[in-house]
Amino acid sequence: MKKTITITLDEYDARLLEAALRATRRPYSSGEEVDRSQRRCVLGWMLRSVAAAILRQGNMPAPLAVELRHETEVETEQRLRKQLPRPPLPPLSGGGQPSWLN
């Protein structure tokens, strides 16, 4: 299943995202502009990191911190073979507010 989302960032968050994109720019990339595939890749990392942290915690803690670290060699092999263990997804209740909003 693929989803398309549109988000609007304030000036600070937009500058922060742009700095992160430039910091992770591929070495073979040319020019000043970050290409679309690089933006999609970095946003995917961000989304997976935060979503996995929320699922591991079981709710939306405030404040939320996500630790970035290098994968181990075993994790890299598992990810490439699509065998990396993933936390189970919570059952979809079909609506209502998330518990962290209560």
C-alpha atoms as a PDB file:
ATOM      1  CA  MET A   1       0.000   0.000   0.000  1.00  0.00           C
ATOM      2  CA  LYS A   2       1.367   3.413  -0.940  1.00  0.00           C
ATOM      3  CA  LYS A   3       0.210   6.679   0.544  1.00  0.00           C
ATOM      4  CA  THR A   4       0.729  10.229  -0.631  1.00  0.00           C
ATOM      5  CA  ILE A   5       0.911  12.902   2.025  1.00  0.00           C
ATOM      6  CA  THR A   6       1.278  16.658   1.864  1.00  0.00           C
ATOM      7  CA  ILE A   7       2.680  18.626   4.757  1.00  0.00           C
ATOM      8  CA  THR A   8       3.308  22.307   5.271  1.00  0.00           C
ATOM      9  CA  LEU A   9       6.306  23.237   7.378  1.00  0.00           C
ATOM     10  CA  ASP A  10       6.874  26.502   9.174  1.00  0.00           C
ATOM     11  CA  GLU A  11      10.062  28.408   8.336  1.00  0.00           C
ATOM     12  CA  TYR A  12      12.134  26.857  11.136  1.00  0.00           C
ATOM     13  CA  ASP A  13      11.123  23.258  10.366  1.00  0.00           C
ATOM     14  CA  ALA A  14      11.650  23.818   6.627  1.00  0.00           C
ATOM     15  CA  ARG A  15      15.186  25.119   7.245  1.00  0.00           C
ATOM     16  CA  LEU A  16      15.868  22.224   9.617  1.00  0.00           C
ATOM     17  CA  LEU A  17      14.706  19.662   7.031  1.00  0.00           C
ATOM     18  CA  GLU A  18      16.725  21.331   4.272  1.00  0.00           C
ATOM     19  CA  ALA A  19      19.865  21.263   6.461  1.00  0.00           C
ATOM     20  CA  ALA A  20      19.320  17.557   7.203  1.00  0.00           C
ATOM     21  CA  LEU A  21      18.867  16.830   3.492  1.00  0.00           C
ATOM     22  CA  ARG A  22      22.071  18.653   2.613  1.00  0.00           C
ATOM     23  CA  ALA A  23      23.986  16.917   5.427  1.00  0.00           C
ATOM     24  CA  THR A  24      22.943  13.499   4.121  1.00  0.00           C
ATOM     25  CA  ARG A  25      23.493  14.301   0.461  1.00  0.00           C
ATOM     26  CA  ARG A  26      24.903  11.424  -1.520  1.00  0.00           C
ATOM     27  CA  PRO A  27      28.587  11.859  -2.415  1.00  0.00           C
ATOM     28  CA  TYR A  28      27.900  11.401  -6.135  1.00  0.00           C
ATOM     29  CA  SER A  29      25.174  14.061  -6.140  1.00  0.00           C
ATOM     30  CA  SER A  30      25.968  17.119  -8.224  1.00  0.00           C
ATOM     31  CA  GLY A  31      24.670  20.649  -7.954  1.00  0.00           C
ATOM     32  CA  GLU A  32      23.195  22.555  -5.051  1.00  0.00           C
ATOM     33  CA  GLU A  33      19.665  21.160  -5.195  1.00  0.00           C
ATOM     34  CA  VAL A  34      18.694  18.050  -3.272  1.00  0.00           C
ATOM     35  CA  ASP A  35      17.010  15.661  -5.675  1.00  0.00           C
ATOM     36  CA  ARG A  36      13.556  14.200  -5.131  1.00  0.00           C
ATOM     37  CA  SER A  37      14.772  10.663  -4.429  1.00  0.00           C
ATOM     38  CA  GLN A  38      17.129  11.936  -1.707  1.00  0.00           C
ATOM     39  CA  ARG A  39      14.276  13.890  -0.077  1.00  0.00           C
ATOM     40  CA  ARG A  40      12.032  10.801  -0.207  1.00  0.00           C
ATOM     41  CA  CYS A  41      14.802   8.621   1.263  1.00  0.00           C
ATOM     42  CA  VAL A  42      15.528  10.959   4.209  1.00  0.00           C
ATOM     43  CA  LEU A  43      11.834  11.533   4.937  1.00  0.00           C
ATOM     44  CA  GLY A  44      11.348   7.754   4.913  1.00  0.00           C
ATOM     45  CA  TRP A  45      14.152   7.343   7.471  1.00  0.00           C
ATOM     46  CA  MET A  46      12.546   9.993   9.666  1.00  0.00           C
ATOM     47  CA  LEU A  47       9.088   8.490   9.405  1.00  0.00           C
ATOM     48  CA  ARG A  48      10.277   4.939  10.135  1.00  0.00           C
ATOM     49  CA  SER A  49      12.418   6.067  13.083  1.00  0.00           C
ATOM     50  CA  VAL A  50       9.683   8.029  14.817  1.00  0.00           C
ATOM     51  CA  ALA A  51       6.898   5.546  14.017  1.00  0.00           C
ATOM     52  CA  ALA A  52       9.008   2.631  15.308  1.00  0.00           C
ATOM     53  CA  ALA A  53       9.820   4.569  18.503  1.00  0.00           C
ATOM     54  CA  ILE A  54       6.124   5.298  19.116  1.00  0.00           C
ATOM     55  CA  LEU A  55       5.170   1.658  18.510  1.00  0.00           C
ATOM     56  CA  ARG A  56       7.927   0.402  20.827  1.00  0.00           C
ATOM     57  CA  GLN A  57       6.753   2.814  23.534  1.00  0.00           C
ATOM     58  CA  GLY A  58       3.097   1.948  23.001  1.00  0.00           C
ATOM     59  CA  ASN A  59       1.974   5.569  22.996  1.00  0.00           C
ATOM     60  CA  MET A  60       3.070   9.082  22.081  1.00  0.00           C
ATOM     61  CA  PRO A  61       5.280  10.196  24.948  1.00  0.00           C
ATOM     62  CA  ALA A  62       5.964  13.890  25.272  1.00  0.00           C
ATOM     63  CA  PRO A  63       8.696  14.804  24.758  1.00  0.00           C
ATOM     64  CA  LEU A  64       9.757  12.071  22.347  1.00  0.00           C
ATOM     65  CA  ALA A  65      13.442  11.373  21.655  1.00  0.00           C
ATOM     66  CA  VAL A  66      14.666   9.109  18.890  1.00  0.00           C
ATOM     67  CA  GLU A  67      18.229   7.832  19.050  1.00  0.00           C
ATOM     68  CA  LEU A  68      20.091   7.583  15.754  1.00  0.00           C
ATOM     69  CA  ARG A  69      22.792   4.934  15.567  1.00  0.00           C
ATOM     70  CA  HIS A  70      24.616   2.873  12.976  1.00  0.00           C
ATOM     71  CA  GLU A  71      23.152  -0.488  12.086  1.00  0.00           C
ATOM     72  CA  THR A  72      25.066  -3.557  13.105  1.00  0.00           C
ATOM     73  CA  GLU A  73      26.281  -5.803  10.296  1.00  0.00           C
ATOM     74  CA  VAL A  74      23.597  -8.340  11.244  1.00  0.00           C
ATOM     75  CA  GLU A  75      20.854  -5.666  11.072  1.00  0.00           C
ATOM     76  CA  THR A  76      22.116  -4.518   7.670  1.00  0.00           C
ATOM     77  CA  GLU A  77      21.969  -8.069   6.318  1.00  0.00           C
ATOM     78  CA  GLN A  78      18.493  -8.588   7.776  1.00  0.00           C
ATOM     79  CA  ARG A  79      17.248  -5.294   6.344  1.00  0.00           C
ATOM     80  CA  LEU A  80      18.599  -6.091   2.892  1.00  0.00           C
ATOM     81  CA  ARG A  81      16.901  -9.497   3.012  1.00  0.00           C
ATOM     82  CA  LYS A  82      13.778  -7.825   4.432  1.00  0.00           C
ATOM     83  CA  GLN A  83      14.094  -9.984   7.554  1.00  0.00           C
ATOM     84  CA  LEU A  84      14.650  -7.222  10.118  1.00  0.00           C
ATOM     85  CA  PRO A  85      12.285  -7.852  13.019  1.00  0.00           C
ATOM     86  CA  ARG A  86       9.580  -5.219  13.185  1.00  0.00           C
ATOM     87  CA  PRO A  87       7.370  -4.379  16.129  1.00  0.00           C
ATOM     88  CA  PRO A  88       3.814  -5.658  15.699  1.00  0.00           C
ATOM     89  CA  LEU A  89       1.355  -3.064  14.480  1.00  0.00           C
ATOM     90  CA  PRO A  90      -1.445  -2.202  16.866  1.00  0.00           C
ATOM     91  CA  PRO A  91      -4.934  -3.279  15.800  1.00  0.00           C
ATOM     92  CA  LEU A  92      -6.764  -0.656  13.787  1.00  0.00           C
ATOM     93  CA  SER A  93      -9.844   0.328  15.721  1.00  0.00           C
ATOM     94  CA  GLY A  94     -11.493   2.177  12.863  1.00  0.00           C
ATOM     95  CA  GLY A  95     -11.518   5.649  14.302  1.00  0.00           C
ATOM     96  CA  GLY A  96     -11.495   7.812  17.338  1.00  0.00           C
ATOM     97  CA  GLN A  97      -8.749   9.849  18.890  1.00  0.00           C
ATOM     98  CA  PRO A  98      -5.322   8.315  19.459  1.00  0.00           C
ATOM     99  CA  SER A  99      -4.831   7.461  23.146  1.00  0.00           C
ATOM    100  CA  TRP A 100      -2.044  10.032  23.502  1.00  0.00           C
ATOM    101  CA  LEU A 101      -4.535  12.843  22.769  1.00  0.00           C
ATOM    102  CA  ASN A 102      -6.710  11.912  25.760  1.00  0.00           C
END
